[in-house]
PDB file of N, CA and C in Angstrom:
ATOM      1  N   MET A   1     -16.808  -7.527   7.079  1.00  0.00           N
ATOM      2  CA  MET A   1     -15.517  -7.593   6.821  1.00  0.00           C
ATOM      3  C   MET A   1     -15.405  -8.147   5.233  1.00  0.00           C
ATOM      4  N   HIS A   2     -14.308  -7.494   4.715  1.00  0.00           N
ATOM      5  CA  HIS A   2     -14.048  -7.611   3.266  1.00  0.00           C
ATOM      6  C   HIS A   2     -12.486  -7.719   3.142  1.00  0.00           C
ATOM      7  N   TYR A   3     -12.160  -8.449   1.813  1.00  0.00           N
ATOM      8  CA  TYR A   3     -10.653  -8.597   1.583  1.00  0.00           C
ATOM      9  C   TYR A   3     -10.399  -8.269   0.230  1.00  0.00           C
ATOM     10  N   LEU A   4      -9.282  -7.779   0.040  1.00  0.00           N
ATOM     11  CA  LEU A   4      -8.639  -7.524  -1.100  1.00  0.00           C
ATOM     12  C   LEU A   4      -7.715  -8.902  -1.033  1.00  0.00           C
ATOM     13  N   TYR A   5      -7.663  -9.561  -2.411  1.00  0.00           N
ATOM     14  CA  TYR A   5      -6.700 -10.810  -2.419  1.00  0.00           C
ATOM     15  C   TYR A   5      -5.903 -10.802  -3.634  1.00  0.00           C
ATOM     16  N   ILE A   6      -4.732 -11.325  -3.654  1.00  0.00           N
ATOM     17  CA  ILE A   6      -3.927 -11.642  -4.888  1.00  0.00           C
ATOM     18  C   ILE A   6      -3.747 -13.083  -4.973  1.00  0.00           C
ATOM     19  N   ILE A   7      -3.938 -13.657  -6.107  1.00  0.00           N
ATOM     20  CA  ILE A   7      -3.641 -15.097  -6.192  1.00  0.00           C
ATOM     21  C   ILE A   7      -2.491 -15.326  -7.602  1.00  0.00           C
ATOM     22  N   TYR A   8      -1.939 -16.309  -7.394  1.00  0.00           N
ATOM     23  CA  TYR A   8      -0.910 -16.419  -8.377  1.00  0.00           C
ATOM     24  C   TYR A   8      -1.016 -17.968  -9.158  1.00  0.00           C
ATOM     25  N   SER A   9      -0.800 -17.978 -10.338  1.00  0.00           N
ATOM     26  CA  SER A   9      -0.736 -19.313 -11.041  1.00  0.00           C
ATOM     27  C   SER A   9       0.680 -19.448 -11.598  1.00  0.00           C
ATOM     28  N   GLU A  10       1.305 -20.394 -11.091  1.00  0.00           N
ATOM     29  CA  GLU A  10       2.739 -20.691 -11.662  1.00  0.00           C
ATOM     30  C   GLU A  10       2.780 -21.255 -13.104  1.00  0.00           C
ATOM     31  N   LYS A  11       1.713 -21.891 -13.433  1.00  0.00           N
ATOM     32  CA  LYS A  11       1.569 -22.525 -14.752  1.00  0.00           C
ATOM     33  C   LYS A  11       1.468 -21.321 -15.575  1.00  0.00           C
ATOM     34  N   LEU A  12       0.618 -20.163 -15.464  1.00  0.00           N
ATOM     35  CA  LEU A  12       0.577 -19.176 -16.319  1.00  0.00           C
ATOM     36  C   LEU A  12       1.603 -18.087 -15.992  1.00  0.00           C
ATOM     37  N   ASN A  13       2.228 -18.040 -14.754  1.00  0.00           N
ATOM     38  CA  ASN A  13       3.036 -17.079 -14.250  1.00  0.00           C
ATOM     39  C   ASN A  13       2.529 -15.614 -14.190  1.00  0.00           C
ATOM     40  N   LYS A  14       1.257 -15.717 -13.709  1.00  0.00           N
ATOM     41  CA  LYS A  14       0.318 -14.483 -13.571  1.00  0.00           C
ATOM     42  C   LYS A  14      -0.187 -14.477 -12.066  1.00  0.00           C
ATOM     43  N   TYR A  15      -0.378 -12.924 -11.790  1.00  0.00           N
ATOM     44  CA  TYR A  15      -1.101 -12.657 -10.679  1.00  0.00           C
ATOM     45  C   TYR A  15      -2.585 -12.012 -11.052  1.00  0.00           C
ATOM     46  N   TYR A  16      -3.486 -12.409 -10.258  1.00  0.00           N
ATOM     47  CA  TYR A  16      -4.839 -11.898 -10.351  1.00  0.00           C
ATOM     48  C   TYR A  16      -5.013 -11.063  -9.111  1.00  0.00           C
ATOM     49  N   THR A  17      -5.772  -9.918  -9.010  1.00  0.00           N
ATOM     50  CA  THR A  17      -6.337  -9.177  -7.947  1.00  0.00           C
ATOM     51  C   THR A  17      -7.944  -9.275  -7.854  1.00  0.00           C
ATOM     52  N   GLY A  18      -8.312  -9.426  -6.701  1.00  0.00           N
ATOM     53  CA  GLY A  18      -9.714  -9.424  -6.665  1.00  0.00           C
ATOM     54  C   GLY A  18     -10.233  -8.894  -5.279  1.00  0.00           C
ATOM     55  N   GLU A  19     -11.353  -8.947  -5.095  1.00  0.00           N
ATOM     56  CA  GLU A  19     -12.058  -8.534  -3.533  1.00  0.00           C
ATOM     57  C   GLU A  19     -13.249  -9.392  -3.332  1.00  0.00           C
ATOM     58  N   SER A  20     -13.267  -9.957  -2.141  1.00  0.00           N
ATOM     59  CA  SER A  20     -14.458 -10.773  -1.708  1.00  0.00           C
ATOM     60  C   SER A  20     -14.563 -10.840  -0.324  1.00  0.00           C
ATOM     61  N   PRO A  21     -15.816 -11.287   0.255  1.00  0.00           N
ATOM     62  CA  PRO A  21     -15.765 -11.374   1.632  1.00  0.00           C
ATOM     63  C   PRO A  21     -15.119 -12.573   1.866  1.00  0.00           C
ATOM     64  N   ASP A  22     -15.075 -13.782   1.001  1.00  0.00           N
ATOM     65  CA  ASP A  22     -14.491 -15.067   1.470  1.00  0.00           C
ATOM     66  C   ASP A  22     -13.656 -15.342   0.480  1.00  0.00           C
ATOM     67  N   PRO A  23     -12.149 -15.075   0.601  1.00  0.00           N
ATOM     68  CA  PRO A  23     -11.189 -15.331  -0.382  1.00  0.00           C
ATOM     69  C   PRO A  23     -10.807 -16.743  -0.698  1.00  0.00           C
ATOM     70  N   ASP A  24     -10.942 -17.426   0.475  1.00  0.00           N
ATOM     71  CA  ASP A  24     -10.931 -19.090   0.361  1.00  0.00           C
ATOM     72  C   ASP A  24     -11.721 -19.613  -0.524  1.00  0.00           C
ATOM     73  N   ARG A  25     -12.993 -19.271  -0.538  1.00  0.00           N
ATOM     74  CA  ARG A  25     -14.077 -19.785  -1.250  1.00  0.00           C
ATOM     75  C   ARG A  25     -14.009 -19.157  -2.845  1.00  0.00           C
ATOM     76  N   ARG A  26     -13.637 -18.045  -2.857  1.00  0.00           N
ATOM     77  CA  ARG A  26     -13.265 -17.599  -4.200  1.00  0.00           C
ATOM     78  C   ARG A  26     -12.094 -18.172  -4.917  1.00  0.00           C
ATOM     79  N   LEU A  27     -11.288 -18.513  -4.263  1.00  0.00           N
ATOM     80  CA  LEU A  27      -9.969 -19.305  -4.711  1.00  0.00           C
ATOM     81  C   LEU A  27     -10.559 -20.623  -5.324  1.00  0.00           C
ATOM     82  N   GLU A  28     -11.435 -21.446  -4.576  1.00  0.00           N
ATOM     83  CA  GLU A  28     -11.962 -22.451  -5.142  1.00  0.00           C
ATOM     84  C   GLU A  28     -12.659 -22.285  -6.500  1.00  0.00           C
ATOM     85  N   GLN A  29     -13.445 -21.194  -6.455  1.00  0.00           N
ATOM     86  CA  GLN A  29     -14.081 -20.782  -7.531  1.00  0.00           C
ATOM     87  C   GLN A  29     -13.133 -20.440  -8.873  1.00  0.00           C
ATOM     88  N   HIS A  30     -12.065 -19.709  -8.706  1.00  0.00           N
ATOM     89  CA  HIS A  30     -11.375 -19.575  -9.563  1.00  0.00           C
ATOM     90  C   HIS A  30     -10.519 -21.016 -10.197  1.00  0.00           C
ATOM     91  N   ASN A  31     -10.125 -21.905  -9.226  1.00  0.00           N
ATOM     92  CA  ASN A  31      -9.589 -23.220  -9.718  1.00  0.00           C
ATOM     93  C   ASN A  31     -10.460 -23.955 -10.303  1.00  0.00           C
ATOM     94  N   SER A  32     -11.770 -23.862 -10.070  1.00  0.00           N
ATOM     95  CA  SER A  32     -12.750 -24.803 -10.745  1.00  0.00           C
ATOM     96  C   SER A  32     -13.434 -24.194 -11.886  1.00  0.00           C
ATOM     97  N   HIS A  33     -12.989 -23.015 -12.396  1.00  0.00           N
ATOM     98  CA  HIS A  33     -13.483 -22.376 -13.477  1.00  0.00           C
ATOM     99  C   HIS A  33     -14.969 -22.071 -13.346  1.00  0.00           C
ATOM    100  N   TYR A  34     -15.447 -21.667 -12.224  1.00  0.00           N
ATOM    101  CA  TYR A  34     -16.759 -21.411 -11.973  1.00  0.00           C
ATOM    102  C   TYR A  34     -17.234 -20.065 -12.925  1.00  0.00           C
ATOM    103  N   PHE A  35     -16.372 -19.328 -13.029  1.00  0.00           N
ATOM    104  CA  PHE A  35     -16.687 -18.141 -13.856  1.00  0.00           C
ATOM    105  C   PHE A  35     -16.000 -18.444 -15.191  1.00  0.00           C
ATOM    106  N   LYS A  36     -16.764 -18.829 -16.156  1.00  0.00           N
ATOM    107  CA  LYS A  36     -16.282 -19.312 -17.443  1.00  0.00           C
ATOM    108  C   LYS A  36     -15.653 -18.242 -18.208  1.00  0.00           C
ATOM    109  N   ASN A  37     -15.684 -17.298 -18.116  1.00  0.00           N
ATOM    110  CA  ASN A  37     -15.007 -15.996 -18.959  1.00  0.00           C
ATOM    111  C   ASN A  37     -14.215 -15.156 -18.315  1.00  0.00           C
ATOM    112  N   ASN A  38     -13.702 -15.696 -16.985  1.00  0.00           N
ATOM    113  CA  ASN A  38     -12.927 -14.992 -16.071  1.00  0.00           C
ATOM    114  C   ASN A  38     -11.422 -14.958 -16.765  1.00  0.00           C
ATOM    115  N   TYR A  39     -10.551 -13.911 -16.234  1.00  0.00           N
ATOM    116  CA  TYR A  39      -9.167 -13.861 -16.645  1.00  0.00           C
ATOM    117  C   TYR A  39      -8.537 -15.153 -15.979  1.00  0.00           C
ATOM    118  N   THR A  40      -9.078 -15.662 -15.103  1.00  0.00           N
ATOM    119  CA  THR A  40      -8.276 -16.787 -14.315  1.00  0.00           C
ATOM    120  C   THR A  40      -8.654 -18.149 -14.898  1.00  0.00           C
ATOM    121  N   LYS A  41      -9.432 -18.336 -16.016  1.00  0.00           N
ATOM    122  CA  LYS A  41      -9.931 -19.547 -16.434  1.00  0.00           C
ATOM    123  C   LYS A  41      -8.805 -20.466 -17.123  1.00  0.00           C
ATOM    124  N   GLY A  42      -7.444 -19.672 -17.651  1.00  0.00           N
ATOM    125  CA  GLY A  42      -6.487 -20.413 -18.092  1.00  0.00           C
ATOM    126  C   GLY A  42      -5.578 -21.281 -17.062  1.00  0.00           C
ATOM    127  N   GLY A  43      -5.945 -21.097 -15.746  1.00  0.00           N
ATOM    128  CA  GLY A  43      -4.990 -21.747 -14.899  1.00  0.00           C
ATOM    129  C   GLY A  43      -6.075 -22.713 -13.804  1.00  0.00           C
ATOM    130  N   ASN A  44      -5.405 -23.441 -13.424  1.00  0.00           N
ATOM    131  CA  ASN A  44      -6.168 -24.516 -12.037  1.00  0.00           C
ATOM    132  C   ASN A  44      -5.299 -24.527 -10.992  1.00  0.00           C
ATOM    133  N   ASP A  45      -4.174 -23.916 -10.817  1.00  0.00           N
ATOM    134  CA  ASP A  45      -3.193 -23.901  -9.893  1.00  0.00           C
ATOM    135  C   ASP A  45      -3.138 -22.726  -8.987  1.00  0.00           C
ATOM    136  N   TRP A  46      -4.110 -21.942  -9.096  1.00  0.00           N
ATOM    137  CA  TRP A  46      -4.090 -20.527  -8.106  1.00  0.00           C
ATOM    138  C   TRP A  46      -3.887 -20.909  -6.788  1.00  0.00           C
ATOM    139  N   ILE A  47      -2.924 -20.053  -6.199  1.00  0.00           N
ATOM    140  CA  ILE A  47      -2.851 -20.118  -4.748  1.00  0.00           C
ATOM    141  C   ILE A  47      -2.921 -18.684  -4.268  1.00  0.00           C
ATOM    142  N   ILE A  48      -3.563 -18.446  -3.127  1.00  0.00           N
ATOM    143  CA  ILE A  48      -3.271 -17.175  -2.506  1.00  0.00           C
ATOM    144  C   ILE A  48      -2.173 -16.687  -2.061  1.00  0.00           C
ATOM    145  N   LYS A  49      -1.525 -15.288  -2.569  1.00  0.00           N
ATOM    146  CA  LYS A  49      -0.398 -14.839  -1.895  1.00  0.00           C
ATOM    147  C   LYS A  49      -0.590 -13.755  -0.909  1.00  0.00           C
ATOM    148  N   LEU A  50      -1.874 -13.229  -1.129  1.00  0.00           N
ATOM    149  CA  LEU A  50      -1.949 -12.144   0.007  1.00  0.00           C
ATOM    150  C   LEU A  50      -3.527 -11.973   0.325  1.00  0.00           C
ATOM    151  N   LYS A  51      -3.935 -12.083   1.452  1.00  0.00           N
ATOM    152  CA  LYS A  51      -5.307 -11.706   1.799  1.00  0.00           C
ATOM    153  C   LYS A  51      -5.167 -10.478   2.724  1.00  0.00           C
ATOM    154  N   PHE A  52      -5.854  -9.233   2.435  1.00  0.00           N
ATOM    155  CA  PHE A  52      -5.705  -7.968   3.217  1.00  0.00           C
ATOM    156  C   PHE A  52      -7.155  -7.779   3.672  1.00  0.00           C
ATOM    157  N   GLU A  53      -7.571  -7.715   4.795  1.00  0.00           N
ATOM    158  CA  GLU A  53      -8.747  -7.440   5.380  1.00  0.00           C
ATOM    159  C   GLU A  53      -9.010  -6.062   5.486  1.00  0.00           C
ATOM    160  N   THR A  54      -9.931  -5.674   4.870  1.00  0.00           N
ATOM    161  CA  THR A  54     -10.551  -4.120   4.792  1.00  0.00           C
ATOM    162  C   THR A  54     -11.719  -4.019   5.715  1.00  0.00           C
ATOM    163  N   THR A  55     -12.090  -2.626   6.188  1.00  0.00           N
ATOM    164  CA  THR A  55     -13.171  -2.471   6.932  1.00  0.00           C
ATOM    165  C   THR A  55     -14.466  -2.390   6.146  1.00  0.00           C
ATOM    166  N   THR A  56     -14.301  -1.950   4.760  1.00  0.00           N
ATOM    167  CA  THR A  56     -15.655  -2.125   3.999  1.00  0.00           C
ATOM    168  C   THR A  56     -15.317  -2.609   2.507  1.00  0.00           C
ATOM    169  N   LYS A  57     -16.231  -3.083   1.850  1.00  0.00           N
ATOM    170  CA  LYS A  57     -16.169  -3.579   0.502  1.00  0.00           C
ATOM    171  C   LYS A  57     -15.658  -2.536  -0.356  1.00  0.00           C
ATOM    172  N   GLU A  58     -16.002  -1.306  -0.013  1.00  0.00           N
ATOM    173  CA  GLU A  58     -15.616  -0.023  -0.829  1.00  0.00           C
ATOM    174  C   GLU A  58     -14.143   0.018  -0.710  1.00  0.00           C
ATOM    175  N   ASP A  59     -13.563  -0.155   0.364  1.00  0.00           N
ATOM    176  CA  ASP A  59     -12.050  -0.117   0.552  1.00  0.00           C
ATOM    177  C   ASP A  59     -11.357  -1.073  -0.284  1.00  0.00           C
ATOM    178  N   ALA A  60     -11.855  -2.298  -0.441  1.00  0.00           N
ATOM    179  CA  ALA A  60     -11.473  -3.434  -1.010  1.00  0.00           C
ATOM    180  C   ALA A  60     -11.469  -3.039  -2.477  1.00  0.00           C
ATOM    181  N   ILE A  61     -12.432  -2.450  -2.903  1.00  0.00           N
ATOM    182  CA  ILE A  61     -12.698  -2.180  -4.396  1.00  0.00           C
ATOM    183  C   ILE A  61     -11.694  -1.062  -4.808  1.00  0.00           C
ATOM    184  N   ILE A  62     -11.406   0.053  -4.014  1.00  0.00           N
ATOM    185  CA  ILE A  62     -10.517   0.961  -4.144  1.00  0.00           C
ATOM    186  C   ILE A  62      -9.231   0.514  -4.350  1.00  0.00           C
ATOM    187  N   LEU A  63      -8.657  -0.426  -3.549  1.00  0.00           N
ATOM    188  CA  LEU A  63      -7.421  -1.023  -3.423  1.00  0.00           C
ATOM    189  C   LEU A  63      -7.182  -1.955  -4.852  1.00  0.00           C
ATOM    190  N   GLU A  64      -8.359  -2.745  -5.131  1.00  0.00           N
ATOM    191  CA  GLU A  64      -8.300  -3.637  -6.213  1.00  0.00           C
ATOM    192  C   GLU A  64      -8.131  -2.535  -7.704  1.00  0.00           C
ATOM    193  N   ARG A  65      -8.930  -1.816  -7.714  1.00  0.00           N
ATOM    194  CA  ARG A  65      -8.840  -0.805  -8.863  1.00  0.00           C
ATOM    195  C   ARG A  65      -7.422  -0.164  -9.065  1.00  0.00           C
ATOM    196  N   PHE A  66      -6.885   0.365  -7.885  1.00  0.00           N
ATOM    197  CA  PHE A  66      -5.554   0.947  -7.840  1.00  0.00           C
ATOM    198  C   PHE A  66      -4.605   0.092  -8.254  1.00  0.00           C
ATOM    199  N   ILE A  67      -4.500  -1.319  -7.829  1.00  0.00           N
ATOM    200  CA  ILE A  67      -3.664  -2.064  -8.231  1.00  0.00           C
ATOM    201  C   ILE A  67      -3.654  -2.502  -9.724  1.00  0.00           C
ATOM    202  N   LYS A  68      -4.955  -2.796 -10.140  1.00  0.00           N
ATOM    203  CA  LYS A  68      -5.060  -3.066 -11.634  1.00  0.00           C
ATOM    204  C   LYS A  68      -4.742  -1.941 -12.622  1.00  0.00           C
ATOM    205  N   LYS A  69      -4.891  -0.698 -12.130  1.00  0.00           N
ATOM    206  CA  LYS A  69      -4.570   0.563 -12.818  1.00  0.00           C
ATOM    207  C   LYS A  69      -2.839   0.530 -13.073  1.00  0.00           C
ATOM    208  N   MET A  70      -2.213   0.075 -12.116  1.00  0.00           N
ATOM    209  CA  MET A  70      -0.829   0.195 -12.105  1.00  0.00           C
ATOM    210  C   MET A  70      -0.232  -0.917 -13.188  1.00  0.00           C
ATOM    211  N   LYS A  71      -0.924  -2.027 -13.581  1.00  0.00           N
ATOM    212  CA  LYS A  71      -0.668  -2.917 -14.427  1.00  0.00           C
ATOM    213  C   LYS A  71       0.905  -3.192 -14.438  1.00  0.00           C
ATOM    214  N   SER A  72       1.163  -3.725 -13.237  1.00  0.00           N
ATOM    215  CA  SER A  72       2.573  -3.985 -12.874  1.00  0.00           C
ATOM    216  C   SER A  72       2.741  -5.016 -12.215  1.00  0.00           C
ATOM    217  N   LYS A  73       3.506  -6.174 -12.687  1.00  0.00           N
ATOM    218  CA  LYS A  73       3.864  -7.417 -11.766  1.00  0.00           C
ATOM    219  C   LYS A  73       4.661  -6.874 -10.572  1.00  0.00           C
ATOM    220  N   LYS A  74       5.732  -6.313 -11.023  1.00  0.00           N
ATOM    221  CA  LYS A  74       6.635  -5.902  -9.857  1.00  0.00           C
ATOM    222  C   LYS A  74       5.875  -4.932  -8.752  1.00  0.00           C
ATOM    223  N   PHE A  75       4.917  -4.249  -9.047  1.00  0.00           N
ATOM    224  CA  PHE A  75       4.298  -3.575  -7.916  1.00  0.00           C
ATOM    225  C   PHE A  75       3.539  -4.681  -7.112  1.00  0.00           C
ATOM    226  N   ILE A  76       2.917  -5.660  -7.715  1.00  0.00           N
ATOM    227  CA  ILE A  76       2.054  -6.544  -6.884  1.00  0.00           C
ATOM    228  C   ILE A  76       2.989  -7.200  -6.269  1.00  0.00           C
ATOM    229  N   GLU A  77       4.317  -7.501  -6.634  1.00  0.00           N
ATOM    230  CA  GLU A  77       5.219  -8.511  -5.837  1.00  0.00           C
ATOM    231  C   GLU A  77       5.727  -7.441  -4.473  1.00  0.00           C
ATOM    232  N   LYS A  78       5.666  -6.246  -4.837  1.00  0.00           N
ATOM    233  CA  LYS A  78       5.972  -5.132  -3.875  1.00  0.00           C
ATOM    234  C   LYS A  78       4.954  -5.312  -2.635  1.00  0.00           C
ATOM    235  N   ILE A  79       3.956  -5.240  -3.102  1.00  0.00           N
ATOM    236  CA  ILE A  79       2.640  -5.376  -1.954  1.00  0.00           C
ATOM    237  C   ILE A  79       2.651  -6.588  -1.479  1.00  0.00           C
ATOM    238  N   ILE A  80       2.794  -7.714  -2.213  1.00  0.00           N
ATOM    239  CA  ILE A  80       2.890  -8.769  -1.307  1.00  0.00           C
ATOM    240  C   ILE A  80       4.027  -9.081  -0.320  1.00  0.00           C
ATOM    241  N   SER A  81       5.135  -8.490  -0.544  1.00  0.00           N
ATOM    242  CA  SER A  81       6.219  -8.423   0.504  1.00  0.00           C
ATOM    243  C   SER A  81       6.149  -7.346   1.664  1.00  0.00           C
ATOM    244  N   LYS A  82       5.219  -6.185   1.184  1.00  0.00           N
ATOM    245  CA  LYS A  82       4.961  -5.355   2.271  1.00  0.00           C
ATOM    246  C   LYS A  82       3.521  -4.629   2.103  1.00  0.00           C
ATOM    247  N   PRO A  83       2.829  -5.315   2.898  1.00  0.00           N
ATOM    248  CA  PRO A  83       1.249  -5.238   2.678  1.00  0.00           C
ATOM    249  C   PRO A  83       1.010  -3.860   3.266  1.00  0.00           C
ATOM    250  N   ALA A  84       1.683  -3.099   3.990  1.00  0.00           N
ATOM    251  CA  ALA A  84       1.587  -1.810   4.732  1.00  0.00           C
ATOM    252  C   ALA A  84       1.453  -0.922   3.689  1.00  0.00           C
ATOM    253  N   ILE A  85       2.003  -1.071   2.383  1.00  0.00           N
ATOM    254  CA  ILE A  85       1.529  -0.297   1.351  1.00  0.00           C
ATOM    255  C   ILE A  85       0.194   0.018   0.945  1.00  0.00           C
ATOM    256  N   LEU A  86      -0.694  -1.046   1.261  1.00  0.00           N
ATOM    257  CA  LEU A  86      -1.925  -0.980   1.023  1.00  0.00           C
ATOM    258  C   LEU A  86      -2.829   0.128   1.975  1.00  0.00           C
ATOM    259  N   ILE A  87      -2.298   0.075   3.141  1.00  0.00           N
ATOM    260  CA  ILE A  87      -2.791   1.166   4.256  1.00  0.00           C
ATOM    261  C   ILE A  87      -2.372   2.500   3.889  1.00  0.00           C
ATOM    262  N   GLU A  88      -1.360   2.575   3.313  1.00  0.00           N
ATOM    263  CA  GLU A  88      -0.914   3.928   2.655  1.00  0.00           C
ATOM    264  C   GLU A  88      -1.793   4.513   1.626  1.00  0.00           C
ATOM    265  N   ILE A  89      -2.027   3.546   0.685  1.00  0.00           N
ATOM    266  CA  ILE A  89      -3.019   3.691  -0.499  1.00  0.00           C
ATOM    267  C   ILE A  89      -4.246   4.305  -0.026  1.00  0.00           C
ATOM    268  N   LEU A  90      -4.937   3.364   0.867  1.00  0.00           N
ATOM    269  CA  LEU A  90      -6.015   3.820   1.557  1.00  0.00           C
ATOM    270  C   LEU A  90      -6.168   5.234   2.277  1.00  0.00           C
ATOM    271  N   GLU A  91      -5.084   5.651   2.838  1.00  0.00           N
ATOM    272  CA  GLU A  91      -5.076   6.747   3.541  1.00  0.00           C
ATOM    273  C   GLU A  91      -4.949   8.016   2.750  1.00  0.00           C
ATOM    274  N   LYS A  92      -4.374   7.840   1.344  1.00  0.00           N
ATOM    275  CA  LYS A  92      -4.281   8.669   0.354  1.00  0.00           C
ATOM    276  C   LYS A  92      -5.497   9.123  -0.268  1.00  0.00           C
ATOM    277  N   THR A  93      -6.314   7.845  -0.490  1.00  0.00           N
ATOM    278  CA  THR A  93      -7.434   7.865  -1.605  1.00  0.00           C
ATOM    279  C   THR A  93      -8.815   8.269  -0.428  1.00  0.00           C
ATOM    280  N   ASN A  94      -8.658   8.138   0.735  1.00  0.00           N
ATOM    281  CA  ASN A  94     -10.004   8.211   1.577  1.00  0.00           C
ATOM    282  C   ASN A  94      -9.994   9.867   2.231  1.00  0.00           C
TER     283      ASN A  94
END
């Protein structure tokens, strides 16, 4: 079991998309600045906006890369409101 996750920092007004087998633990790492040079280091108020379970790590990575290539806050917000979009993306890429 693997997850695509999207977190949000109100302080930075930014989203971050990642993949992990344990998004809750990963959230703790983002908020504690476990990864010193990470994009999320500027915030300590990250909250999970979406956890999307995938069958494989590879599927989670495909979704993560797709979302990051879009470079669109509006697209991320659309995914959060309609996670079924992620299923459609996987169907088209597999």
